[in-house]
Amino acid sequence: MITKRIVSGIQPSGILHIGNYLGAIKNWKNYQETNTNNCYFFIADYHSITTKFLTDYTELEKDPKYSHDNLDDNVFKTAACLLACGLDPSKCNLFVQSQIPSHTNLMWLLSCITPLSWLNKMVQFKEKRNSSIDLSSSGLYTYPILMAADILIYKAEIVPVGEDQIQHIELCRDIAYRVNKIAKCDLLPIPDYFVDKQSARIMSLQNGKLKMSKSDKSSYACVSLIDNEEKIKKNIMKAKTDSKGNIYYDVKERPEVSNLINIYANLENISIDDTVKKFENASTQEFKQELAKSVGDVVGNISQRANDLIDKESDYVKDVIREGCKNACEESRKNYEEIKRYLKFFV
């Protein structure tokens, strides 16, 4: 069986939510089955701090009692959630980005061959800079180059991403082409990206135009992977809908209802059309009740395992990360030395 090298990362937000599961982790589980021992999944702690310290400093000025987030704790809990969701360390490599020196080593090389004009085209940076110039770090600006290094250091062939990251992957492909041109050979694969159009972007339960996030002001906006059955049902039943009543899919006109349809379809592994057909005669409340049951069935299995890993099996989680880092270090170091050699560095 022909397998391909898969690389993808997730930021360490601590306890993950159903959007993380449907948007990324569910696909990771499928990849590890079809590409066993050729998947590199990492916790992107470097990417998580692009504005963290600027934000923390601003908050600290407002309130001296401001408590900094514990990044180590978030990394650990994210790893525990990933394992609880079904990532199998015998089939994939799970590791922490900052513990692999070759990521930032390669980033520097790539920074030196990436034209400034390429970075100036990145839409995400422009959007975040416009929202707050004081919280726009140089790390946020060069974020796409680190992302390219994350991918190319393992010679990735497929990169699962959300739609908001497509431009960054296109930049990564351009950088890979340039490295190959300098090396005068096909040193790096040109990575393809995969976007699951149906599951790539799970939105807030209270605003169908915003991505689901734990930082949402409303406690009803998302479902955590350690929520109990009562909490899940309450959040789903309080999810924003509209007054049109019947169930049909229209992202533009009915973003909230469409989001709920999307969630159900992904949980049940059926199409959007089949979901709409199934509930064509149901009321919004009846649909929500079925959705709450579906979410509860999935999260219930994950929740108990995640809590056990966090409270009772922390050593196991740390061992998995340690072994994954060891494998990633070995693979990335080998590839980094090869890249240096072809770029005429002394090795």
C-alpha atoms as a PDB file:
ATOM      1  CA  MET A   1       0.000   0.000   0.000  1.00  0.00           C
ATOM      2  CA  ILE A   2       1.338   3.434  -0.986  1.00  0.00           C
ATOM      3  CA  THR A   3       1.330   5.892   1.907  1.00  0.00           C
ATOM      4  CA  LYS A   4       2.037   9.605   1.958  1.00  0.00           C
ATOM      5  CA  ARG A   5       3.703  11.813   4.544  1.00  0.00           C
ATOM      6  CA  ILE A   6       1.031  13.782   6.432  1.00  0.00           C
ATOM      7  CA  VAL A   7       1.874  16.814   8.605  1.00  0.00           C
ATOM      8  CA  SER A   8      -0.565  18.960  10.569  1.00  0.00           C
ATOM      9  CA  GLY A   9      -0.622  20.947  13.798  1.00  0.00           C
ATOM     10  CA  ILE A  10      -3.028  22.304  16.384  1.00  0.00           C
ATOM     11  CA  GLN A  11      -2.542  25.151  18.831  1.00  0.00           C
ATOM     12  CA  PRO A  12      -2.478  24.287  22.546  1.00  0.00           C
ATOM     13  CA  SER A  13      -5.712  25.740  23.880  1.00  0.00           C
ATOM     14  CA  GLY A  14      -5.914  23.249  26.738  1.00  0.00           C
ATOM     15  CA  ILE A  15      -9.211  21.382  26.784  1.00  0.00           C
ATOM     16  CA  LEU A  16     -10.336  21.124  23.155  1.00  0.00           C
ATOM     17  CA  HIS A  17     -13.886  21.523  21.845  1.00  0.00           C
ATOM     18  CA  ILE A  18     -16.149  19.803  19.328  1.00  0.00           C
ATOM     19  CA  GLY A  19     -15.011  22.236  16.620  1.00  0.00           C
ATOM     20  CA  ASN A  20     -11.414  21.058  17.059  1.00  0.00           C
ATOM     21  CA  TYR A  21     -12.551  17.452  16.859  1.00  0.00           C
ATOM     22  CA  LEU A  22     -14.660  17.818  13.719  1.00  0.00           C
ATOM     23  CA  GLY A  23     -12.398  20.383  12.064  1.00  0.00           C
ATOM     24  CA  ALA A  24      -9.127  18.467  12.403  1.00  0.00           C
ATOM     25  CA  ILE A  25      -8.777  15.551  14.796  1.00  0.00           C
ATOM     26  CA  LYS A  26     -11.417  13.332  13.215  1.00  0.00           C
ATOM     27  CA  ASN A  27      -9.521  13.551   9.916  1.00  0.00           C
ATOM     28  CA  TRP A  28      -6.218  12.909  11.695  1.00  0.00           C
ATOM     29  CA  LYS A  29      -7.634   9.635  13.004  1.00  0.00           C
ATOM     30  CA  ASN A  30      -8.496   8.584   9.454  1.00  0.00           C
ATOM     31  CA  TYR A  31      -5.038   9.532   8.193  1.00  0.00           C
ATOM     32  CA  GLN A  32      -3.249   7.486  10.855  1.00  0.00           C
ATOM     33  CA  GLU A  33      -5.154   4.393   9.721  1.00  0.00           C
ATOM     34  CA  THR A  34      -4.287   4.783   6.029  1.00  0.00           C
ATOM     35  CA  ASN A  35      -0.775   6.230   6.506  1.00  0.00           C
ATOM     36  CA  THR A  36       0.432   4.390   9.606  1.00  0.00           C
ATOM     37  CA  ASN A  37       3.791   5.640  10.945  1.00  0.00           C
ATOM     38  CA  ASN A  38       3.888   8.348   8.272  1.00  0.00           C
ATOM     39  CA  CYS A  39       1.855  10.980  10.117  1.00  0.00           C
ATOM     40  CA  TYR A  40       3.428  13.852  12.060  1.00  0.00           C
ATOM     41  CA  PHE A  41       0.896  15.665  14.243  1.00  0.00           C
ATOM     42  CA  PHE A  42       2.215  18.427  16.473  1.00  0.00           C
ATOM     43  CA  ILE A  43       1.064  20.833  19.158  1.00  0.00           C
ATOM     44  CA  ALA A  44       1.928  24.255  17.745  1.00  0.00           C
ATOM     45  CA  ASP A  45       2.987  26.099  20.885  1.00  0.00           C
ATOM     46  CA  TYR A  46       5.227  28.533  18.985  1.00  0.00           C
ATOM     47  CA  HIS A  47       2.297  29.561  16.795  1.00  0.00           C
ATOM     48  CA  SER A  48       0.167  30.117  19.890  1.00  0.00           C
ATOM     49  CA  ILE A  49       2.378  32.934  21.215  1.00  0.00           C
ATOM     50  CA  THR A  50       2.466  35.255  18.172  1.00  0.00           C
ATOM     51  CA  THR A  51       0.484  37.877  20.117  1.00  0.00           C
ATOM     52  CA  LYS A  52       0.286  36.290  23.574  1.00  0.00           C
ATOM     53  CA  PHE A  53       2.953  38.361  25.301  1.00  0.00           C
ATOM     54  CA  LEU A  54       1.782  41.621  23.756  1.00  0.00           C
ATOM     55  CA  THR A  55      -1.739  40.805  24.926  1.00  0.00           C
ATOM     56  CA  ASP A  56      -0.527  39.767  28.371  1.00  0.00           C
ATOM     57  CA  TYR A  57       1.499  42.969  28.712  1.00  0.00           C
ATOM     58  CA  THR A  58      -1.512  45.095  27.772  1.00  0.00           C
ATOM     59  CA  GLU A  59      -3.705  43.285  30.292  1.00  0.00           C
ATOM     60  CA  LEU A  60      -1.001  43.508  32.954  1.00  0.00           C
ATOM     61  CA  GLU A  61      -0.917  47.281  32.559  1.00  0.00           C
ATOM     62  CA  LYS A  62      -4.690  47.377  33.164  1.00  0.00           C
ATOM     63  CA  ASP A  63      -4.651  44.986  36.113  1.00  0.00           C
ATOM     64  CA  PRO A  64      -1.487  44.023  38.049  1.00  0.00           C
ATOM     65  CA  LYS A  65      -3.277  40.885  39.241  1.00  0.00           C
ATOM     66  CA  TYR A  66      -3.604  39.587  35.682  1.00  0.00           C
ATOM     67  CA  SER A  67      -2.665  35.902  35.634  1.00  0.00           C
ATOM     68  CA  HIS A  68      -0.640  34.626  32.695  1.00  0.00           C
ATOM     69  CA  ASP A  69      -1.910  31.503  30.954  1.00  0.00           C
ATOM     70  CA  ASN A  70       0.083  28.389  31.750  1.00  0.00           C
ATOM     71  CA  LEU A  71       1.342  27.298  28.343  1.00  0.00           C
ATOM     72  CA  ASP A  72       2.846  24.036  29.631  1.00  0.00           C
ATOM     73  CA  ASP A  73      -0.481  23.066  31.189  1.00  0.00           C
ATOM     74  CA  ASN A  74      -2.322  23.882  27.963  1.00  0.00           C
ATOM     75  CA  VAL A  75       0.123  21.763  25.950  1.00  0.00           C
ATOM     76  CA  PHE A  76      -0.353  18.820  28.319  1.00  0.00           C
ATOM     77  CA  LYS A  77      -4.157  19.039  28.291  1.00  0.00           C
ATOM     78  CA  THR A  78      -4.227  19.378  24.512  1.00  0.00           C
ATOM     79  CA  ALA A  79      -2.101  16.244  24.202  1.00  0.00           C
ATOM     80  CA  ALA A  80      -4.408  14.389  26.586  1.00  0.00           C
ATOM     81  CA  CYS A  81      -7.464  15.429  24.553  1.00  0.00           C
ATOM     82  CA  LEU A  82      -5.814  14.315  21.308  1.00  0.00           C
ATOM     83  CA  LEU A  83      -5.120  10.881  22.761  1.00  0.00           C
ATOM     84  CA  ALA A  84      -8.640  10.681  24.185  1.00  0.00           C
ATOM     85  CA  CYS A  85     -10.007  11.463  20.718  1.00  0.00           C
ATOM     86  CA  GLY A  86      -8.266   8.392  19.332  1.00  0.00           C
ATOM     87  CA  LEU A  87      -4.807   9.392  18.153  1.00  0.00           C
ATOM     88  CA  ASP A  88      -2.696   6.258  18.496  1.00  0.00           C
ATOM     89  CA  PRO A  89       1.037   6.762  19.248  1.00  0.00           C
ATOM     90  CA  SER A  90       1.739   3.372  17.623  1.00  0.00           C
ATOM     91  CA  LYS A  91       0.374   4.738  14.340  1.00  0.00           C
ATOM     92  CA  CYS A  92       1.378   8.427  14.382  1.00  0.00           C
ATOM     93  CA  ASN A  93       3.958  10.770  15.857  1.00  0.00           C
ATOM     94  CA  LEU A  94       2.532  13.245  18.364  1.00  0.00           C
ATOM     95  CA  PHE A  95       4.958  15.908  19.539  1.00  0.00           C
ATOM     96  CA  VAL A  96       5.430  19.511  20.665  1.00  0.00           C
ATOM     97  CA  GLN A  97       6.685  22.009  18.095  1.00  0.00           C
ATOM     98  CA  SER A  98       9.013  23.968  20.393  1.00  0.00           C
ATOM     99  CA  GLN A  99      10.889  20.809  21.401  1.00  0.00           C
ATOM    100  CA  ILE A 100      12.119  20.238  17.831  1.00  0.00           C
ATOM    101  CA  PRO A 101      15.039  22.623  17.084  1.00  0.00           C
ATOM    102  CA  SER A 102      14.977  21.952  13.331  1.00  0.00           C
ATOM    103  CA  HIS A 103      11.662  23.813  12.944  1.00  0.00           C
ATOM    104  CA  THR A 104      13.145  27.184  13.855  1.00  0.00           C
ATOM    105  CA  ASN A 105      16.516  26.355  12.283  1.00  0.00           C
ATOM    106  CA  LEU A 106      14.834  25.773   8.942  1.00  0.00           C
ATOM    107  CA  MET A 107      12.606  28.806   9.441  1.00  0.00           C
ATOM    108  CA  TRP A 108      15.699  31.031   9.467  1.00  0.00           C
ATOM    109  CA  LEU A 109      16.969  29.561   6.194  1.00  0.00           C
ATOM    110  CA  LEU A 110      13.556  29.933   4.595  1.00  0.00           C
ATOM    111  CA  SER A 111      13.289  33.524   5.893  1.00  0.00           C
ATOM    112  CA  CYS A 112      16.456  34.354   4.013  1.00  0.00           C
ATOM    113  CA  ILE A 113      15.107  33.099   0.692  1.00  0.00           C
ATOM    114  CA  THR A 114      11.518  34.354   1.024  1.00  0.00           C
ATOM    115  CA  PRO A 115      10.955  37.757  -0.620  1.00  0.00           C
ATOM    116  CA  LEU A 116       9.359  40.405   1.570  1.00  0.00           C
ATOM    117  CA  SER A 117       6.763  40.950  -1.152  1.00  0.00           C
ATOM    118  CA  TRP A 118       5.424  37.419  -0.601  1.00  0.00           C
ATOM    119  CA  LEU A 119       4.787  38.076   3.091  1.00  0.00           C
ATOM    120  CA  ASN A 120       3.195  41.433   2.333  1.00  0.00           C
ATOM    121  CA  LYS A 121       0.419  39.608   0.478  1.00  0.00           C
ATOM    122  CA  MET A 122      -0.688  37.578   3.494  1.00  0.00           C
ATOM    123  CA  VAL A 123      -4.301  38.524   4.188  1.00  0.00           C
ATOM    124  CA  GLN A 124      -4.479  37.183   7.748  1.00  0.00           C
ATOM    125  CA  PHE A 125      -1.710  39.468   8.960  1.00  0.00           C
ATOM    126  CA  LYS A 126      -3.347  42.493   7.344  1.00  0.00           C
ATOM    127  CA  GLU A 127      -6.663  41.689   9.002  1.00  0.00           C
ATOM    128  CA  LYS A 128      -5.136  41.230  12.460  1.00  0.00           C
ATOM    129  CA  ARG A 129      -2.911  44.289  12.079  1.00  0.00           C
ATOM    130  CA  ASN A 130      -5.897  46.426  11.135  1.00  0.00           C
ATOM    131  CA  SER A 131      -7.838  45.198  14.169  1.00  0.00           C
ATOM    132  CA  SER A 132      -5.029  46.207  16.556  1.00  0.00           C
ATOM    133  CA  ILE A 133      -1.686  47.609  15.428  1.00  0.00           C
ATOM    134  CA  ASP A 134      -0.377  47.409  19.027  1.00  0.00           C
ATOM    135  CA  LEU A 135      -0.910  43.630  19.055  1.00  0.00           C
ATOM    136  CA  SER A 136       0.836  42.942  15.745  1.00  0.00           C
ATOM    137  CA  SER A 137       4.157  41.307  16.573  1.00  0.00           C
ATOM    138  CA  SER A 138       6.929  40.535  14.105  1.00  0.00           C
ATOM    139  CA  GLY A 139       6.227  36.889  14.961  1.00  0.00           C
ATOM    140  CA  LEU A 140       2.692  37.272  13.652  1.00  0.00           C
ATOM    141  CA  TYR A 141       4.157  38.690  10.429  1.00  0.00           C
ATOM    142  CA  THR A 142       6.621  35.814   9.914  1.00  0.00           C
ATOM    143  CA  TYR A 143       4.186  33.144  11.149  1.00  0.00           C
ATOM    144  CA  PRO A 144       3.676  31.778   7.585  1.00  0.00           C
ATOM    145  CA  ILE A 145       7.402  31.066   7.219  1.00  0.00           C
ATOM    146  CA  LEU A 146       7.458  29.053  10.446  1.00  0.00           C
ATOM    147  CA  MET A 147       4.402  27.197   9.162  1.00  0.00           C
ATOM    148  CA  ALA A 148       6.291  26.429   5.946  1.00  0.00           C
ATOM    149  CA  ALA A 149       9.230  25.145   8.007  1.00  0.00           C
ATOM    150  CA  ASP A 150       6.877  22.948  10.075  1.00  0.00           C
ATOM    151  CA  ILE A 151       5.708  21.327   6.861  1.00  0.00           C
ATOM    152  CA  LEU A 152       8.858  21.147   4.759  1.00  0.00           C
ATOM    153  CA  ILE A 153      11.156  19.876   7.535  1.00  0.00           C
ATOM    154  CA  TYR A 154       9.296  16.538   7.346  1.00  0.00           C
ATOM    155  CA  LYS A 155       8.998  16.582   3.540  1.00  0.00           C
ATOM    156  CA  ALA A 156       5.220  16.553   3.856  1.00  0.00           C
ATOM    157  CA  GLU A 157       3.169  15.484   0.863  1.00  0.00           C
ATOM    158  CA  ILE A 158      -0.295  16.274   2.254  1.00  0.00           C
ATOM    159  CA  VAL A 159      -1.244  18.977   4.747  1.00  0.00           C
ATOM    160  CA  PRO A 160      -4.808  18.972   6.140  1.00  0.00           C
ATOM    161  CA  VAL A 161      -5.819  22.605   6.775  1.00  0.00           C
ATOM    162  CA  GLY A 162      -8.769  24.884   7.341  1.00  0.00           C
ATOM    163  CA  GLU A 163      -9.870  27.228   4.581  1.00  0.00           C
ATOM    164  CA  ASP A 164      -8.324  30.194   6.412  1.00  0.00           C
ATOM    165  CA  GLN A 165      -4.859  28.631   6.013  1.00  0.00           C
ATOM    166  CA  ILE A 166      -4.926  28.010   2.252  1.00  0.00           C
ATOM    167  CA  GLN A 167      -2.951  31.165   1.436  1.00  0.00           C
ATOM    168  CA  HIS A 168      -0.235  30.104   3.885  1.00  0.00           C
ATOM    169  CA  ILE A 169       0.027  26.693   2.222  1.00  0.00           C
ATOM    170  CA  GLU A 170       0.316  28.358  -1.181  1.00  0.00           C
ATOM    171  CA  LEU A 171       3.212  30.374   0.228  1.00  0.00           C
ATOM    172  CA  CYS A 172       4.767  27.147   1.535  1.00  0.00           C
ATOM    173  CA  ARG A 173       4.524  25.635  -1.951  1.00  0.00           C
ATOM    174  CA  ASP A 174       6.196  28.725  -3.472  1.00  0.00           C
ATOM    175  CA  ILE A 175       9.006  28.479  -0.909  1.00  0.00           C
ATOM    176  CA  ALA A 176       9.481  24.770  -1.671  1.00  0.00           C
ATOM    177  CA  TYR A 177       9.732  25.545  -5.398  1.00  0.00           C
ATOM    178  CA  ARG A 178      12.380  28.179  -4.679  1.00  0.00           C
ATOM    179  CA  VAL A 179      14.397  25.821  -2.434  1.00  0.00           C
ATOM    180  CA  ASN A 180      14.354  23.197  -5.198  1.00  0.00           C
ATOM    181  CA  LYS A 181      15.439  25.770  -7.753  1.00  0.00           C
ATOM    182  CA  ILE A 182      18.386  26.824  -5.568  1.00  0.00           C
ATOM    183  CA  ALA A 183      19.261  23.174  -4.865  1.00  0.00           C
ATOM    184  CA  LYS A 184      18.908  22.349  -8.604  1.00  0.00           C
ATOM    185  CA  CYS A 185      16.952  19.195  -7.799  1.00  0.00           C
ATOM    186  CA  ASP A 186      13.624  18.009  -6.409  1.00  0.00           C
ATOM    187  CA  LEU A 187      14.885  18.229  -2.856  1.00  0.00           C
ATOM    188  CA  LEU A 188      11.499  18.922  -1.265  1.00  0.00           C
ATOM    189  CA  PRO A 189       8.087  17.560  -2.261  1.00  0.00           C
ATOM    190  CA  ILE A 190       5.624  20.300  -3.192  1.00  0.00           C
ATOM    191  CA  PRO A 191       2.954  19.654  -0.550  1.00  0.00           C
ATOM    192  CA  ASP A 192      -0.692  19.329  -1.475  1.00  0.00           C
ATOM    193  CA  TYR A 193      -3.296  20.558   0.937  1.00  0.00           C
ATOM    194  CA  PHE A 194      -6.594  18.975   1.859  1.00  0.00           C
ATOM    195  CA  VAL A 195      -9.614  20.955   3.005  1.00  0.00           C
ATOM    196  CA  ASP A 196     -12.698  19.054   4.082  1.00  0.00           C
ATOM    197  CA  LYS A 197     -15.279  21.581   2.912  1.00  0.00           C
ATOM    198  CA  GLN A 198     -17.957  20.180   5.198  1.00  0.00           C
ATOM    199  CA  SER A 199     -16.006  19.907   8.444  1.00  0.00           C
ATOM    200  CA  ALA A 200     -13.187  22.425   8.071  1.00  0.00           C
ATOM    201  CA  ARG A 201     -14.945  25.281   9.847  1.00  0.00           C
ATOM    202  CA  ILE A 202     -17.290  24.634  12.764  1.00  0.00           C
ATOM    203  CA  MET A 203     -18.864  27.875  13.925  1.00  0.00           C
ATOM    204  CA  SER A 204     -20.021  29.293  17.264  1.00  0.00           C
ATOM    205  CA  LEU A 205     -23.336  28.002  18.566  1.00  0.00           C
ATOM    206  CA  GLN A 206     -24.300  31.619  19.222  1.00  0.00           C
ATOM    207  CA  ASN A 207     -23.029  33.248  16.035  1.00  0.00           C
ATOM    208  CA  GLY A 208     -22.852  31.272  12.800  1.00  0.00           C
ATOM    209  CA  LYS A 209     -20.403  33.775  11.305  1.00  0.00           C
ATOM    210  CA  LEU A 210     -17.716  33.318  13.952  1.00  0.00           C
ATOM    211  CA  LYS A 211     -15.501  30.275  14.381  1.00  0.00           C
ATOM    212  CA  MET A 212     -16.187  28.207  17.503  1.00  0.00           C
ATOM    213  CA  SER A 213     -13.876  29.263  20.318  1.00  0.00           C
ATOM    214  CA  LYS A 214     -13.511  28.702  24.064  1.00  0.00           C
ATOM    215  CA  SER A 215     -12.736  32.406  24.449  1.00  0.00           C
ATOM    216  CA  ASP A 216     -16.246  33.385  23.329  1.00  0.00           C
ATOM    217  CA  LYS A 217     -17.972  35.602  25.889  1.00  0.00           C
ATOM    218  CA  SER A 218     -21.014  33.320  25.902  1.00  0.00           C
ATOM    219  CA  SER A 219     -20.711  30.072  27.849  1.00  0.00           C
ATOM    220  CA  TYR A 220     -23.200  28.569  25.395  1.00  0.00           C
ATOM    221  CA  ALA A 221     -21.039  29.168  22.313  1.00  0.00           C
ATOM    222  CA  CYS A 222     -19.164  25.869  22.229  1.00  0.00           C
ATOM    223  CA  VAL A 223     -19.126  22.303  23.511  1.00  0.00           C
ATOM    224  CA  SER A 224     -15.975  21.239  25.341  1.00  0.00           C
ATOM    225  CA  LEU A 225     -14.668  17.701  24.954  1.00  0.00           C
ATOM    226  CA  ILE A 226     -15.017  17.202  28.716  1.00  0.00           C
ATOM    227  CA  ASP A 227     -18.548  18.604  29.065  1.00  0.00           C
ATOM    228  CA  ASN A 228     -21.074  16.331  30.733  1.00  0.00           C
ATOM    229  CA  GLU A 229     -24.373  15.271  29.185  1.00  0.00           C
ATOM    230  CA  GLU A 230     -26.363  17.980  30.950  1.00  0.00           C
ATOM    231  CA  LYS A 231     -24.027  20.771  29.805  1.00  0.00           C
ATOM    232  CA  ILE A 232     -23.993  19.477  26.233  1.00  0.00           C
ATOM    233  CA  LYS A 233     -27.769  19.344  26.037  1.00  0.00           C
ATOM    234  CA  LYS A 234     -28.135  22.816  27.528  1.00  0.00           C
ATOM    235  CA  ASN A 235     -25.685  24.379  25.051  1.00  0.00           C
ATOM    236  CA  ILE A 236     -27.228  22.662  22.039  1.00  0.00           C
ATOM    237  CA  MET A 237     -30.791  23.510  23.038  1.00  0.00           C
ATOM    238  CA  LYS A 238     -29.778  27.144  23.598  1.00  0.00           C
ATOM    239  CA  ALA A 239     -27.939  27.322  20.247  1.00  0.00           C
ATOM    240  CA  LYS A 240     -29.068  30.295  18.205  1.00  0.00           C
ATOM    241  CA  THR A 241     -31.348  29.511  15.248  1.00  0.00           C
ATOM    242  CA  ASP A 242     -34.057  31.613  13.558  1.00  0.00           C
ATOM    243  CA  SER A 243     -37.806  31.846  13.183  1.00  0.00           C
ATOM    244  CA  LYS A 244     -38.117  30.038   9.859  1.00  0.00           C
ATOM    245  CA  GLY A 245     -38.869  26.749  11.580  1.00  0.00           C
ATOM    246  CA  ASN A 246     -38.101  24.009   9.089  1.00  0.00           C
ATOM    247  CA  ILE A 247     -34.629  22.579   8.583  1.00  0.00           C
ATOM    248  CA  TYR A 248     -32.706  23.442   5.426  1.00  0.00           C
ATOM    249  CA  TYR A 249     -29.120  24.398   4.581  1.00  0.00           C
ATOM    250  CA  ASP A 250     -28.252  27.958   3.540  1.00  0.00           C
ATOM    251  CA  VAL A 251     -25.003  29.307   4.947  1.00  0.00           C
ATOM    252  CA  LYS A 252     -25.627  32.862   3.760  1.00  0.00           C
ATOM    253  CA  GLU A 253     -29.219  33.280   4.917  1.00  0.00           C
ATOM    254  CA  ARG A 254     -29.281  30.763   7.823  1.00  0.00           C
ATOM    255  CA  PRO A 255     -25.696  30.543   9.168  1.00  0.00           C
ATOM    256  CA  GLU A 256     -26.637  29.213  12.625  1.00  0.00           C
ATOM    257  CA  VAL A 257     -29.021  26.489  11.437  1.00  0.00           C
ATOM    258  CA  SER A 258     -26.569  25.529   8.685  1.00  0.00           C
ATOM    259  CA  ASN A 259     -23.809  25.208  11.283  1.00  0.00           C
ATOM    260  CA  LEU A 260     -25.931  22.819  13.360  1.00  0.00           C
ATOM    261  CA  ILE A 261     -26.723  20.769  10.248  1.00  0.00           C
ATOM    262  CA  ASN A 262     -23.000  20.652   9.461  1.00  0.00           C
ATOM    263  CA  ILE A 263     -22.163  19.433  12.973  1.00  0.00           C
ATOM    264  CA  TYR A 264     -24.794  16.683  12.853  1.00  0.00           C
ATOM    265  CA  ALA A 265     -23.742  15.519   9.384  1.00  0.00           C
ATOM    266  CA  ASN A 266     -20.116  15.223  10.477  1.00  0.00           C
ATOM    267  CA  LEU A 267     -20.898  13.427  13.706  1.00  0.00           C
ATOM    268  CA  GLU A 268     -23.131  10.906  11.930  1.00  0.00           C
ATOM    269  CA  ASN A 269     -20.861  10.616   8.854  1.00  0.00           C
ATOM    270  CA  ILE A 270     -23.650  11.468   6.434  1.00  0.00           C
ATOM    271  CA  SER A 271     -24.011  14.210   3.828  1.00  0.00           C
ATOM    272  CA  ILE A 272     -25.593  17.614   4.313  1.00  0.00           C
ATOM    273  CA  ASP A 273     -28.354  16.618   1.879  1.00  0.00           C
ATOM    274  CA  ASP A 274     -29.103  13.415   3.783  1.00  0.00           C
ATOM    275  CA  THR A 275     -29.244  15.355   7.050  1.00  0.00           C
ATOM    276  CA  VAL A 276     -31.700  17.869   5.614  1.00  0.00           C
ATOM    277  CA  LYS A 277     -33.829  15.064   4.187  1.00  0.00           C
ATOM    278  CA  LYS A 278     -33.825  13.243   7.532  1.00  0.00           C
ATOM    279  CA  PHE A 279     -35.176  16.304   9.357  1.00  0.00           C
ATOM    280  CA  GLU A 280     -37.303  17.863   6.611  1.00  0.00           C
ATOM    281  CA  ASN A 281     -40.480  17.381   8.674  1.00  0.00           C
ATOM    282  CA  ALA A 282     -38.904  18.068  12.081  1.00  0.00           C
ATOM    283  CA  SER A 283     -39.147  21.235  14.127  1.00  0.00           C
ATOM    284  CA  THR A 284     -36.040  23.106  15.173  1.00  0.00           C
ATOM    285  CA  GLN A 285     -36.434  21.825  18.741  1.00  0.00           C
ATOM    286  CA  GLU A 286     -36.773  18.208  17.564  1.00  0.00           C
ATOM    287  CA  PHE A 287     -33.649  18.605  15.432  1.00  0.00           C
ATOM    288  CA  LYS A 288     -31.718  20.096  18.362  1.00  0.00           C
ATOM    289  CA  GLN A 289     -32.711  17.193  20.594  1.00  0.00           C
ATOM    290  CA  GLU A 290     -31.306  14.696  18.098  1.00  0.00           C
ATOM    291  CA  LEU A 291     -28.194  16.807  17.663  1.00  0.00           C
ATOM    292  CA  ALA A 292     -27.661  16.961  21.434  1.00  0.00           C
ATOM    293  CA  LYS A 293     -27.881  13.170  21.577  1.00  0.00           C
ATOM    294  CA  SER A 294     -25.384  12.790  18.726  1.00  0.00           C
ATOM    295  CA  VAL A 295     -22.924  15.240  20.316  1.00  0.00           C
ATOM    296  CA  GLY A 296     -23.354  13.555  23.699  1.00  0.00           C
ATOM    297  CA  ASP A 297     -22.608  10.113  22.276  1.00  0.00           C
ATOM    298  CA  VAL A 298     -19.311  11.282  20.787  1.00  0.00           C
ATOM    299  CA  VAL A 299     -18.171  13.619  23.555  1.00  0.00           C
ATOM    300  CA  GLY A 300     -19.210  11.177  26.292  1.00  0.00           C
ATOM    301  CA  ASN A 301     -16.705   8.612  25.040  1.00  0.00           C
ATOM    302  CA  ILE A 302     -13.955  11.217  24.790  1.00  0.00           C
ATOM    303  CA  SER A 303     -14.686  13.005  28.069  1.00  0.00           C
ATOM    304  CA  GLN A 304     -14.102  10.107  30.446  1.00  0.00           C
ATOM    305  CA  ARG A 305     -10.868   9.126  28.711  1.00  0.00           C
ATOM    306  CA  ALA A 306      -9.586  12.720  28.676  1.00  0.00           C
ATOM    307  CA  ASN A 307     -10.267  13.161  32.378  1.00  0.00           C
ATOM    308  CA  ASP A 308      -8.528   9.870  33.179  1.00  0.00           C
ATOM    309  CA  LEU A 309      -5.472  10.862  31.141  1.00  0.00           C
ATOM    310  CA  ILE A 310      -5.272  14.264  32.822  1.00  0.00           C
ATOM    311  CA  ASP A 311      -5.919  13.126  36.397  1.00  0.00           C
ATOM    312  CA  LYS A 312      -4.646   9.545  36.576  1.00  0.00           C
ATOM    313  CA  GLU A 313      -2.341   8.855  33.603  1.00  0.00           C
ATOM    314  CA  SER A 314      -0.302  12.031  33.239  1.00  0.00           C
ATOM    315  CA  ASP A 315       2.943  10.046  33.063  1.00  0.00           C
ATOM    316  CA  TYR A 316       1.606   8.129  30.070  1.00  0.00           C
ATOM    317  CA  VAL A 317       0.740  11.378  28.260  1.00  0.00           C
ATOM    318  CA  LYS A 318       4.216  12.757  28.937  1.00  0.00           C
ATOM    319  CA  ASP A 319       5.824   9.510  27.741  1.00  0.00           C
ATOM    320  CA  VAL A 320       3.866   9.673  24.474  1.00  0.00           C
ATOM    321  CA  ILE A 321       4.990  13.259  23.869  1.00  0.00           C
ATOM    322  CA  ARG A 322       8.579  12.401  24.778  1.00  0.00           C
ATOM    323  CA  GLU A 323       8.689   9.476  22.327  1.00  0.00           C
ATOM    324  CA  GLY A 324       6.990  11.496  19.611  1.00  0.00           C
ATOM    325  CA  CYS A 325       9.520  14.295  20.064  1.00  0.00           C
ATOM    326  CA  LYS A 326      12.357  11.796  19.839  1.00  0.00           C
ATOM    327  CA  ASN A 327      11.092  10.460  16.505  1.00  0.00           C
ATOM    328  CA  ALA A 328      10.367  13.939  15.151  1.00  0.00           C
ATOM    329  CA  CYS A 329      13.815  15.185  16.201  1.00  0.00           C
ATOM    330  CA  GLU A 330      15.528  12.333  14.391  1.00  0.00           C
ATOM    331  CA  GLU A 331      13.540  12.758  11.176  1.00  0.00           C
ATOM    332  CA  SER A 332      13.722  16.552  11.097  1.00  0.00           C
ATOM    333  CA  ARG A 333      17.454  16.674  11.917  1.00  0.00           C
ATOM    334  CA  LYS A 334      18.210  14.317   9.051  1.00  0.00           C
ATOM    335  CA  ASN A 335      16.173  16.396   6.616  1.00  0.00           C
ATOM    336  CA  TYR A 336      17.622  19.675   7.883  1.00  0.00           C
ATOM    337  CA  GLU A 337      21.174  18.489   7.349  1.00  0.00           C
ATOM    338  CA  GLU A 338      20.269  17.417   3.808  1.00  0.00           C
ATOM    339  CA  ILE A 339      18.723  20.805   3.044  1.00  0.00           C
ATOM    340  CA  LYS A 340      21.807  22.578   4.397  1.00  0.00           C
ATOM    341  CA  ARG A 341      24.026  20.376   2.238  1.00  0.00           C
ATOM    342  CA  TYR A 342      22.120  21.142  -0.943  1.00  0.00           C
ATOM    343  CA  LEU A 343      22.054  24.846  -0.109  1.00  0.00           C
ATOM    344  CA  LYS A 344      25.876  24.703   0.131  1.00  0.00           C
ATOM    345  CA  PHE A 345      26.215  25.017   3.901  1.00  0.00           C
ATOM    346  CA  PHE A 346      29.037  23.344   5.775  1.00  0.00           C
ATOM    347  CA  VAL A 347      27.623  20.276   7.572  1.00  0.00           C
END
